Protein backbone atom coordinates (compact mmCIF):
# COMPACT_ATOMS: atom_id res chain seq x y z
CA MET A 1 -7.17 21.29 21.98
CA ILE A 2 -4.19 18.68 22.13
CA LEU A 3 -5.22 15.13 21.60
CA THR A 4 -4.40 13.24 24.78
CA ASN A 5 -5.28 9.44 25.82
CA SER A 6 -3.95 8.29 29.39
CA ASN A 7 -4.57 4.76 27.90
CA PHE A 8 -2.12 5.15 24.77
CA LYS A 9 -0.06 2.36 23.75
CA ILE A 10 2.12 1.23 21.15
CA ASP A 11 2.11 -2.48 20.82
CA VAL A 12 1.83 -4.46 17.38
CA THR A 13 2.66 -8.02 17.57
CA SER A 14 0.81 -9.36 14.62
CA GLU A 15 -1.14 -8.31 11.23
CA ILE A 16 -4.31 -10.09 12.30
CA GLY A 17 -4.82 -9.34 16.30
CA ASN A 18 -7.79 -7.13 17.10
CA LEU A 19 -7.12 -3.70 15.80
CA ARG A 20 -7.27 -1.16 18.82
CA THR A 21 -5.59 2.18 17.56
CA LEU A 22 -4.61 3.50 14.13
CA LEU A 23 -3.28 6.36 12.28
CA ILE A 24 -4.82 7.53 9.28
CA HIS A 25 -5.47 10.47 6.97
CA SER A 26 -8.78 11.23 5.18
CA PRO A 27 -8.68 12.70 1.69
CA ASP A 28 -7.71 16.21 1.56
CA SER A 29 -8.04 19.12 -0.99
CA GLY A 30 -4.62 18.25 -2.40
CA LEU A 31 -5.75 15.24 -4.06
CA GLY A 32 -8.44 16.98 -6.12
CA LYS A 33 -5.80 19.19 -7.43
CA VAL A 34 -3.64 16.45 -8.84
CA VAL A 35 -3.11 17.00 -12.70
CA PRO A 36 -2.78 14.50 -15.34
CA SER A 37 0.89 15.47 -16.20
CA LYS A 38 1.84 15.16 -12.64
CA ALA A 39 -0.30 12.15 -11.39
CA GLN A 40 2.52 9.46 -11.88
CA ASP A 41 5.22 11.58 -10.62
CA TRP A 42 3.07 11.69 -7.43
CA LEU A 43 2.61 8.12 -7.71
CA PHE A 44 -1.12 8.00 -8.79
CA GLU A 45 -2.23 5.96 -11.88
CA ASP A 46 -4.90 8.77 -12.58
CA ILE A 47 -6.59 11.86 -11.39
CA VAL A 48 -9.46 11.35 -9.04
CA HIS A 49 -12.75 12.97 -8.11
CA LEU A 50 -12.16 13.94 -4.72
CA ASP A 51 -15.98 14.27 -3.47
CA THR A 52 -16.66 10.95 -4.81
CA MET A 53 -13.51 9.37 -3.02
CA ARG A 54 -14.50 11.31 0.39
CA LYS A 55 -18.37 10.73 0.77
CA ASN A 56 -18.83 7.44 -1.45
CA GLU A 57 -15.72 5.70 -0.54
CA TYR A 58 -13.20 6.67 2.12
CA ASP A 59 -16.15 7.98 4.83
CA TYR A 60 -17.37 4.45 4.75
CA TYR A 61 -13.95 3.34 6.03
CA VAL A 62 -13.72 5.91 8.82
CA LYS A 63 -17.68 4.91 10.02
CA LEU A 64 -16.63 1.32 10.01
CA LEU A 65 -13.15 1.90 11.83
CA LEU A 66 -15.14 3.77 14.55
CA TYR A 67 -17.93 0.89 14.79
CA PHE A 68 -15.38 -1.62 15.74
CA LEU A 69 -12.39 0.59 17.46
CA ASP A 70 -14.64 3.53 19.07
CA PRO A 71 -18.52 2.74 18.88
CA ALA A 72 -19.46 5.73 21.32
CA LYS A 73 -18.17 8.15 18.53
CA ILE A 74 -20.85 6.90 16.08
CA LYS A 75 -23.33 4.68 17.51
CA GLY A 76 -26.84 6.33 17.06
CA LYS A 77 -25.41 9.29 14.92
CA LEU A 78 -25.34 7.32 11.60
CA GLN A 79 -28.11 8.97 9.86
CA GLN A 80 -27.16 12.43 11.30
CA ILE A 81 -23.57 11.95 9.98
CA ASP A 82 -25.16 10.75 6.38
CA ASN A 83 -27.32 13.69 6.21
CA ASP A 84 -24.53 16.39 6.71
CA ALA A 85 -23.47 17.54 3.32
CA GLU A 86 -20.67 19.37 4.95
CA ARG A 87 -19.11 16.31 6.27
CA SER A 88 -18.18 17.97 9.37
CA PHE A 89 -17.92 14.78 10.97
CA PHE A 90 -15.07 13.72 9.00
CA LYS A 91 -13.12 17.10 8.84
CA PRO A 92 -10.28 17.65 11.28
CA ASP A 93 -10.76 21.26 11.55
CA ASN A 94 -14.52 21.08 12.30
CA ALA A 95 -16.02 21.73 15.82
CA ASP A 96 -18.22 18.38 15.02
CA PHE A 97 -14.85 16.48 14.04
CA HIS A 98 -15.44 12.79 15.62
CA ALA A 99 -11.82 13.35 17.39
CA SER A 100 -11.58 9.74 18.32
CA ASN A 101 -8.50 8.48 20.55
CA GLN A 102 -8.36 5.21 18.57
CA VAL A 103 -9.05 6.30 15.01
CA ILE A 104 -6.33 8.86 14.76
CA GLU A 105 -6.34 11.80 12.19
CA ILE A 106 -2.63 12.70 11.22
CA GLN A 107 -3.64 16.15 10.56
CA THR A 108 -4.95 16.90 13.96
CA LEU A 109 -1.57 15.51 15.47
CA LEU A 110 0.01 17.77 13.12
CA ALA A 111 -1.82 20.78 14.23
CA ASP A 112 -1.11 19.99 17.87
CA ILE A 113 2.30 20.23 17.64
CA LEU A 114 2.32 23.49 15.62
CA GLN A 115 1.00 25.04 18.73
CA GLU A 116 4.37 25.03 20.10
CA ASP A 117 6.21 28.28 18.93
CA ASP A 118 9.49 26.66 18.67
CA ILE A 119 8.28 23.49 16.72
CA ARG A 120 6.24 25.58 14.44
CA GLU A 121 9.32 27.75 13.29
CA LYS A 122 11.58 24.59 12.86
CA LEU A 123 8.80 22.80 10.82
CA VAL A 124 8.13 25.63 8.75
CA ALA A 125 11.71 26.43 8.06
CA SER A 126 12.38 22.58 7.20
CA VAL A 127 9.44 22.47 4.77
CA CYS A 128 10.24 25.96 3.11
CA ALA A 129 13.83 24.48 2.62
CA ILE A 130 12.79 21.15 1.02
CA GLU A 131 10.05 23.23 -0.98
CA SER A 132 12.51 26.05 -2.22
CA CYS A 133 10.11 28.75 -0.53
CA ASN A 134 11.20 32.62 -0.11
CA TYR A 135 11.96 34.09 3.20
CA ARG A 136 8.86 36.25 3.10
CA LEU A 137 6.65 33.23 2.62
CA GLN A 138 8.35 31.32 5.38
CA GLU A 139 7.68 34.36 7.70
CA GLN A 140 3.87 34.21 6.75
CA LEU A 141 3.68 30.53 7.34
CA THR A 142 5.39 30.97 10.70
CA ASN A 143 2.64 33.34 11.70
CA THR A 144 -0.17 31.28 10.55
CA ASP A 145 -2.88 29.45 12.65
CA PRO A 146 -1.41 26.07 13.78
CA VAL A 147 -4.86 24.38 12.51
CA GLU A 148 -4.72 26.04 9.18
CA LEU A 149 -1.09 25.47 8.71
CA ALA A 150 -1.56 21.83 9.03
CA LYS A 151 -3.71 21.86 6.17
CA ILE A 152 -1.39 23.95 4.14
CA PHE A 153 1.30 21.60 4.99
CA ILE A 154 -0.72 18.66 3.94
CA SER A 155 -2.73 20.04 0.85
CA GLY A 156 -0.07 22.50 -0.43
CA SER A 157 -2.56 25.33 -0.76
CA LEU A 158 -2.31 28.67 1.00
CA THR A 159 -6.02 29.54 -0.21
CA THR A 160 -8.72 27.93 -2.12
CA GLU A 161 -7.25 29.38 -5.39
CA GLU A 162 -3.47 29.57 -4.36
CA MET A 163 -1.09 26.60 -4.18
CA ILE A 164 2.41 27.23 -2.79
CA PHE A 165 3.82 23.86 -3.18
CA ALA A 166 2.75 20.37 -4.36
CA PRO A 167 0.30 18.28 -2.30
CA ILE A 168 1.25 15.24 -0.85
CA PRO A 169 -1.79 12.93 -2.02
CA ASN A 170 -0.02 9.66 -0.78
CA LEU A 171 -0.61 10.67 2.87
CA ILE A 172 -3.68 8.74 2.82
CA PHE A 173 -1.38 5.68 2.66
CA SER A 174 -0.62 6.24 6.14
CA ARG A 175 1.18 2.92 6.48
CA ASP A 176 4.17 3.93 4.42
CA ILE A 177 5.56 6.47 6.69
CA GLY A 178 6.04 4.44 9.93
CA ILE A 179 5.33 0.86 11.28
CA ALA A 180 4.81 -0.12 14.85
CA VAL A 181 7.13 -3.15 15.56
CA ASN A 182 6.18 -4.39 19.11
CA ASN A 183 6.60 -1.10 21.24
CA HIS A 184 8.79 0.59 18.78
CA MET A 185 8.10 2.84 15.76
CA LEU A 186 10.29 2.30 12.91
CA LEU A 187 10.10 5.56 10.71
CA ASN A 188 10.75 5.02 6.94
CA LYS A 189 12.79 6.52 4.09
CA PRO A 190 10.64 6.94 0.98
CA ALA A 191 11.99 6.20 -2.37
CA LYS A 192 10.27 9.10 -4.09
CA LYS A 193 10.70 12.77 -3.61
CA ALA A 194 6.71 13.02 -3.71
CA ARG A 195 6.92 11.70 -0.33
CA PHE A 196 9.82 13.36 1.41
CA ARG A 197 7.20 16.02 2.87
CA GLU A 198 5.10 13.61 4.60
CA THR A 199 8.18 11.88 5.99
CA LEU A 200 9.37 15.09 7.51
CA LEU A 201 5.98 15.80 9.06
CA ALA A 202 5.87 12.23 10.59
CA ARG A 203 9.31 12.60 12.26
CA TYR A 204 8.16 15.76 13.79
CA ILE A 205 4.75 14.21 15.21
CA PHE A 206 6.48 11.37 16.63
CA PHE A 207 9.13 13.05 18.20
CA ASN A 208 7.33 16.15 19.55
CA HIS A 209 3.55 15.17 20.03
CA PRO A 210 2.65 14.20 23.91
CA LEU A 211 0.95 11.25 22.62
CA PHE A 212 4.22 9.55 22.11
CA ALA A 213 6.32 11.09 24.56
CA ALA A 214 6.54 8.03 26.72
CA TYR A 215 8.13 6.17 23.29
CA SER A 216 10.84 8.76 22.74
CA ASN A 217 13.27 6.08 23.13
CA ASN A 218 11.58 3.52 21.10
CA ILE A 219 11.46 5.59 17.80
CA LEU A 220 13.95 4.26 15.13
CA GLU A 221 15.43 6.16 12.13
CA ILE A 222 16.86 4.29 9.14
CA PRO A 223 20.33 5.82 8.84
CA GLU A 224 21.84 6.28 5.18
CA THR A 225 24.70 4.43 4.48
CA ALA A 226 28.13 5.59 5.32
CA GLN A 227 29.29 8.32 2.72
CA HIS A 228 26.32 7.49 0.52
CA PHE A 229 26.76 11.21 -0.99
CA LEU A 230 30.09 9.87 -2.51
CA ARG A 231 28.65 6.42 -4.15
CA PRO A 232 28.03 6.61 -7.95
CA GLY A 233 25.03 6.42 -9.82
CA GLU A 234 21.08 6.69 -8.80
CA ASP A 235 20.55 2.90 -8.76
CA ASN A 236 18.09 1.56 -6.31
CA LEU A 237 20.61 -0.72 -4.59
CA GLU A 238 22.75 2.27 -3.81
CA LYS A 239 19.80 4.39 -2.19
CA THR A 240 18.72 3.52 1.28
CA THR A 241 14.75 3.47 1.10
CA LEU A 242 12.22 1.81 3.03
CA GLU A 243 8.50 2.02 2.85
CA GLY A 244 5.67 0.63 5.24
CA GLY A 245 4.00 -1.37 2.62
CA ASP A 246 6.98 -3.49 2.48
CA VAL A 247 7.00 -4.06 6.30
CA MET A 248 4.85 -6.85 7.98
CA MET A 249 5.03 -7.52 11.71
CA VAL A 250 3.95 -11.53 11.51
CA SER A 251 4.18 -12.62 14.84
CA PRO A 252 5.79 -11.19 18.16
CA GLN A 253 9.51 -11.76 17.27
CA HIS A 254 9.43 -11.91 13.45
CA LEU A 255 9.20 -9.26 10.94
CA ILE A 256 9.11 -9.27 7.12
CA ILE A 257 10.63 -6.77 4.93
CA GLY A 258 9.96 -6.63 1.22
CA CYS A 259 13.02 -5.47 -1.33
CA SER A 260 10.53 -3.81 -4.00
CA GLU A 261 10.19 -0.94 -6.26
CA ARG A 262 10.19 1.14 -3.33
CA THR A 263 12.49 -0.70 -0.81
CA SER A 264 16.02 -1.20 -1.33
CA ILE A 265 18.36 -3.85 -0.29
CA SER A 266 20.32 -1.01 1.51
CA GLY A 267 17.21 -0.01 3.31
CA ALA A 268 16.45 -3.40 4.52
CA ASN A 269 20.19 -4.13 5.78
CA GLU A 270 20.13 -0.90 7.56
CA ALA A 271 16.51 -1.80 9.06
CA ILE A 272 17.69 -5.08 10.04
CA LYS A 273 20.84 -3.70 11.67
CA LEU A 274 18.94 -1.21 13.82
CA LEU A 275 15.97 -3.76 14.89
CA PHE A 276 18.84 -6.38 15.80
CA GLU A 277 20.86 -3.81 17.91
CA ASN A 278 18.12 -2.64 19.69
CA ASN A 279 16.52 -6.05 20.44
CA VAL A 280 13.21 -5.41 18.86
CA VAL A 281 12.66 -8.61 16.99
CA LYS A 282 14.68 -12.00 16.63
CA LYS A 283 14.07 -12.58 13.39
CA VAL A 284 13.56 -10.63 9.85
CA THR A 285 12.82 -12.24 6.56
CA ILE A 286 13.60 -10.41 3.34
CA VAL A 287 11.24 -11.04 0.42
CA LYS A 288 12.87 -9.64 -2.66
CA ILE A 289 10.23 -9.09 -5.56
CA PRO A 290 10.44 -7.85 -8.95
CA HIS A 291 11.29 -4.21 -9.08
CA LYS A 292 7.74 -3.65 -11.06
CA ARG A 293 4.92 -0.85 -10.66
CA ASP A 294 2.85 -3.98 -10.74
CA TYR A 295 3.80 -5.02 -7.36
CA MET A 296 5.10 -1.90 -5.83
CA HIS A 297 5.32 -3.24 -2.40
CA ILE A 298 5.10 -6.69 -0.63
CA ASP A 299 1.63 -5.89 0.83
CA THR A 300 0.26 -5.66 -2.94
CA VAL A 301 1.32 -9.29 -3.41
CA PHE A 302 0.12 -10.91 -0.26
CA THR A 303 -1.57 -10.11 3.23
CA GLN A 304 -2.60 -12.17 6.24
CA ILE A 305 -6.36 -12.52 7.04
CA LYS A 306 -6.34 -15.43 9.64
CA ARG A 307 -3.85 -17.17 11.83
CA ASP A 308 -3.75 -19.93 9.05
CA THR A 309 -5.06 -17.89 5.99
CA TRP A 310 -3.24 -15.66 3.62
CA VAL A 311 -4.29 -13.91 0.11
CA LEU A 312 -1.74 -13.64 -2.49
CA LEU A 313 -0.94 -13.49 -5.95
CA ARG A 314 -0.06 -17.11 -6.98
CA SER A 315 1.92 -16.29 -10.08
CA LEU A 316 4.49 -14.76 -7.79
CA ALA A 317 4.11 -17.11 -4.68
CA VAL A 318 4.86 -20.37 -5.66
CA ALA A 319 7.86 -22.18 -6.67
CA GLU A 320 8.73 -23.03 -10.64
CA ALA A 321 7.30 -26.60 -11.15
CA PRO A 322 10.21 -29.21 -11.93
CA ILE A 323 11.07 -28.90 -15.53
CA GLU A 324 9.77 -32.36 -16.61
CA GLU A 325 6.21 -31.29 -15.49
CA GLN A 326 6.05 -28.25 -17.74
CA GLU A 327 5.25 -27.79 -21.22
CA PRO A 328 8.04 -28.14 -24.11
CA ILE A 329 8.33 -24.45 -24.58
CA SER A 330 9.51 -24.14 -21.11
CA TRP A 331 12.72 -25.68 -22.05
CA PHE A 332 13.37 -22.68 -23.82
CA ALA A 333 12.27 -19.79 -21.86
CA ASP A 334 14.75 -17.55 -20.28
CA LYS A 335 14.84 -18.09 -16.61
CA LYS A 336 15.97 -14.55 -15.83
CA GLN A 337 12.99 -12.88 -17.13
CA LYS A 338 10.34 -14.63 -15.03
CA ASP A 339 8.87 -12.86 -12.21
CA ARG A 340 9.75 -14.73 -8.74
CA ALA A 341 10.54 -13.94 -5.45
CA GLU A 342 13.84 -14.37 -3.56
CA ILE A 343 13.61 -15.10 0.17
CA VAL A 344 16.10 -15.11 3.09
CA GLN A 345 15.52 -15.20 6.60
CA PHE A 346 17.90 -13.51 9.22
CA GLU A 347 18.32 -14.57 13.00
CA LYS A 348 20.72 -12.80 15.07
CA ASP A 349 23.78 -14.67 15.46
CA GLN A 350 22.50 -17.53 13.13
CA LYS A 351 23.16 -18.69 9.56
CA PRO A 352 20.53 -17.23 6.93
CA LYS A 353 17.77 -19.54 6.11
CA LEU A 354 16.42 -19.84 2.55
CA PHE A 355 12.75 -20.55 1.41
CA SER A 356 12.06 -21.53 -2.01
CA CYS A 357 8.95 -19.42 -2.49
CA ILE A 358 6.39 -17.22 -0.63
CA GLU A 359 3.85 -19.96 0.17
CA ASP A 360 6.47 -21.81 2.24
CA LEU A 361 7.58 -18.79 3.94
CA LEU A 362 3.86 -18.03 4.99
CA THR A 363 3.16 -21.85 5.85
CA ASP A 364 6.18 -21.47 8.29
CA ILE A 365 4.78 -18.41 9.87
CA SER A 366 1.31 -19.78 10.39
CA GLU A 367 2.42 -23.01 11.66
CA ASN A 368 5.53 -22.44 13.39
CA ASP A 369 5.57 -18.68 14.55
CA LEU A 370 1.67 -18.54 15.14
CA GLN A 371 1.46 -22.23 16.18
CA SER A 372 -1.66 -22.74 13.99
CA PRO A 373 -3.24 -26.31 14.29
CA ASN A 374 -4.73 -26.10 10.83
CA LYS A 375 -3.24 -26.56 7.51
CA THR A 376 -2.26 -23.14 5.78
CA LYS A 377 -4.67 -22.17 3.36
CA PHE A 378 -4.35 -19.70 0.52
CA ILE A 379 -7.04 -17.40 -1.17
CA TYR A 380 -5.56 -16.50 -4.63
CA SER A 381 -5.95 -13.04 -6.32
CA GLY A 382 -8.66 -13.30 -9.36
CA ASN A 383 -9.35 -16.97 -8.00
CA ASN A 384 -5.93 -17.97 -9.66
CA THR A 385 -7.43 -17.47 -13.18
CA PHE A 386 -5.77 -15.52 -15.82
CA PRO A 387 -6.39 -12.56 -16.74
CA PHE A 388 -8.10 -12.03 -13.62
CA ASP A 389 -5.44 -12.65 -11.14
CA ALA A 390 -3.39 -9.95 -12.80
CA ARG A 391 -6.26 -7.37 -13.16
CA GLU A 392 -7.61 -7.57 -9.50
CA GLN A 393 -3.90 -7.73 -8.14
CA TRP A 394 -3.34 -4.36 -9.82
CA THR A 395 -6.57 -3.12 -8.02
CA ASP A 396 -5.51 -4.44 -4.39
CA SER A 397 -7.05 -7.71 -4.39
CA CYS A 398 -4.25 -8.87 -2.32
CA ASN A 399 -4.14 -5.68 -0.14
CA LEU A 400 -6.51 -6.42 2.63
CA LEU A 401 -6.61 -4.92 6.00
CA ALA A 402 -7.46 -7.19 9.00
CA ILE A 403 -9.72 -5.42 11.78
CA LYS A 404 -9.60 -8.68 13.60
CA GLU A 405 -8.76 -12.20 12.76
CA GLY A 406 -11.02 -12.93 9.94
CA VAL A 407 -12.62 -10.12 9.54
CA VAL A 408 -10.74 -8.04 6.54
CA LEU A 409 -11.76 -4.96 4.30
CA GLY A 410 -11.18 -5.07 0.60
CA TYR A 411 -12.31 -3.55 -2.67
CA ASP A 412 -15.68 -4.40 -4.19
CA ARG A 413 -14.39 -4.69 -7.76
CA ASN A 414 -12.35 -7.66 -7.48
CA ASP A 415 -15.18 -10.18 -8.27
CA LYS A 416 -13.25 -13.17 -9.07
CA THR A 417 -11.38 -12.72 -5.65
CA VAL A 418 -14.51 -12.43 -3.96
CA GLU A 419 -15.57 -15.89 -5.42
CA ALA A 420 -12.24 -17.35 -3.86
CA PHE A 421 -13.43 -16.07 -0.45
CA LYS A 422 -16.70 -17.64 -0.72
CA GLN A 423 -15.40 -20.77 -1.93
CA ASN A 424 -13.16 -20.82 1.42
CA GLY A 425 -16.15 -20.36 3.69
CA PHE A 426 -16.22 -16.17 4.22
CA ASN A 427 -19.46 -14.35 4.48
CA ILE A 428 -19.45 -11.38 2.02
CA ILE A 429 -21.10 -8.22 2.96
CA ARG A 430 -21.10 -4.51 1.38
CA VAL A 431 -20.03 -1.84 3.74
CA ASN A 432 -23.33 0.02 3.65
CA GLU A 433 -25.55 -2.88 4.31
CA LEU A 434 -23.20 -3.75 7.59
CA LEU A 435 -23.18 -0.35 8.92
CA GLU A 436 -27.10 -0.31 8.89
CA LYS A 437 -27.05 -3.72 10.55
CA PHE A 438 -24.49 -2.11 13.23
CA GLU A 439 -26.54 0.60 13.82
CA THR A 440 -29.79 -1.14 14.39
CA GLY A 441 -27.86 -3.79 16.59
CA GLU A 442 -29.00 -6.70 13.96
CA LEU A 443 -25.12 -7.35 14.22
CA ASP A 444 -22.38 -6.94 16.71
CA PRO A 445 -19.04 -5.83 15.44
CA GLN A 446 -17.23 -7.64 18.00
CA LYS A 447 -19.09 -11.00 17.26
CA LEU A 448 -18.18 -10.95 13.34
CA THR A 449 -16.21 -13.78 12.14
CA ASP A 450 -14.63 -14.84 8.82
CA THR A 451 -16.15 -11.95 6.75
CA LEU A 452 -14.85 -9.97 3.81
CA ILE A 453 -16.37 -6.66 4.12
CA LEU A 454 -16.79 -4.96 0.36
CA MET A 455 -15.91 -1.25 0.08
CA PRO A 456 -16.42 0.77 -2.61
CA SER A 457 -13.36 1.73 -4.86
CA ALA A 458 -13.85 3.63 -7.95
CA GLU A 459 -11.57 6.41 -6.96
CA LEU A 460 -9.77 5.06 -4.62
CA SER A 461 -8.16 2.33 -6.67
CA ARG A 462 -6.96 4.98 -8.91
CA ALA A 463 -4.28 5.80 -6.48
CA ARG A 464 -3.02 2.11 -6.20
CA GLY A 465 -3.60 1.08 -2.72
CA GLY A 466 -5.80 -0.58 -0.62
CA PHE A 467 -6.79 -0.66 2.96
CA HIS A 468 -3.55 -2.20 4.25
CA CYS A 469 -1.71 0.86 2.91
CA MET A 470 -4.30 3.09 4.36
CA SER A 471 -3.80 2.09 7.90
CA MET A 472 -0.95 2.38 10.42
CA PRO A 473 -1.79 0.18 13.34
CA LEU A 474 -0.54 1.43 16.53
CA LEU A 475 -1.93 -1.11 18.93
CA ARG A 476 -3.46 -4.66 18.34
CA ASP A 477 -4.39 -7.37 20.59
CA LYS A 478 -1.99 -10.21 21.03
CA VAL A 479 -2.95 -13.55 19.13
CA ILE A 480 -0.65 -15.79 20.95
């Protein structure tokens, strides 16, 4: 049955408005087949234990999202869900799958479009071309049941034992393949070959699924630079790449794009031209961070949690102190080797504006774009204490998802960052306790304020992505 929703809308104007609809992808069997020798090629830091990731970590995420976004799908069913060893509630190909219209599973959308013969033939041919499959295998896949074919495209597995191409384990980080910018979708261009197939699948979904039919003219694809195939070298500056972890919709007319290990200056440049030509936003700020695995995307360095509050890595976020205030050794330091961000803001037909540091930019967004009456506050990774700031940033202390303003999801392992939240007046609660309180009615999701929800993270953190990465918001309430 094809997912339909007569009330479906794409409209994201901030990072903090009440979340109403998002795309996710639950961990699939391909994740359980990542081998050590390929882990880093497939952008993981380590191999993961799939069942633990699913049942003890990611499933909490799905249940929590449903309580906030689609409570009718879960209220009164929590005990039954928890007692189901088969995980029927979470499996898109199962009759008991939750099938939410608000917490939308990418695999179901893929299975939907594969029901159309012409789309199935085209997509099979495209996947087989980039994966170098033989002709007979292409014919076999073309004649495969759409639900099963969707699983094969994502997991790489033809059967339980036989794999025909690599998995795409990064599909759980759904934000990277597309970003809703107001009522447009900006489809991205990945930097790494490991993500090419998921980008192809996303294009077919957005251009062919009935859910997005009303937005067909609002789907934007970033083009390559002219005659890119003639340009020398493999340098990141030459390639046109952009991933969603480097894109933040911070106010109705303001988008931030990070230039990072995964997003090139060329990619940011093409995105700005595309957005201005289509009058999608009036202002785009480029935040260029060091091209390091430590940072990867800008959402590993900072995310917004309230109109006046941001969480960030301070060592990368503040301007250097004047030289006379530093220790003698600083006189001899090589400034070029220091990690710092470069920030330039562009407005159509206006001169570019420079910011000295990330904190100044975020303050400007809070106080001018979002009209916060309060002084902007910053909660620092690791409570700004070395070495915990760097350790906890590595395990996504800054990569948080706001379900609503002030209510955010983060990993339970980042103890010093949790201390910083407490010091800034936030309530702290573990997700298992919170779900029980929602189920009994002791707490109401819609009345929750200023709360950091701690999510289990032993396996998910091995993939180097937090809940900001694991979400593609399609609809949020406006905050101004």
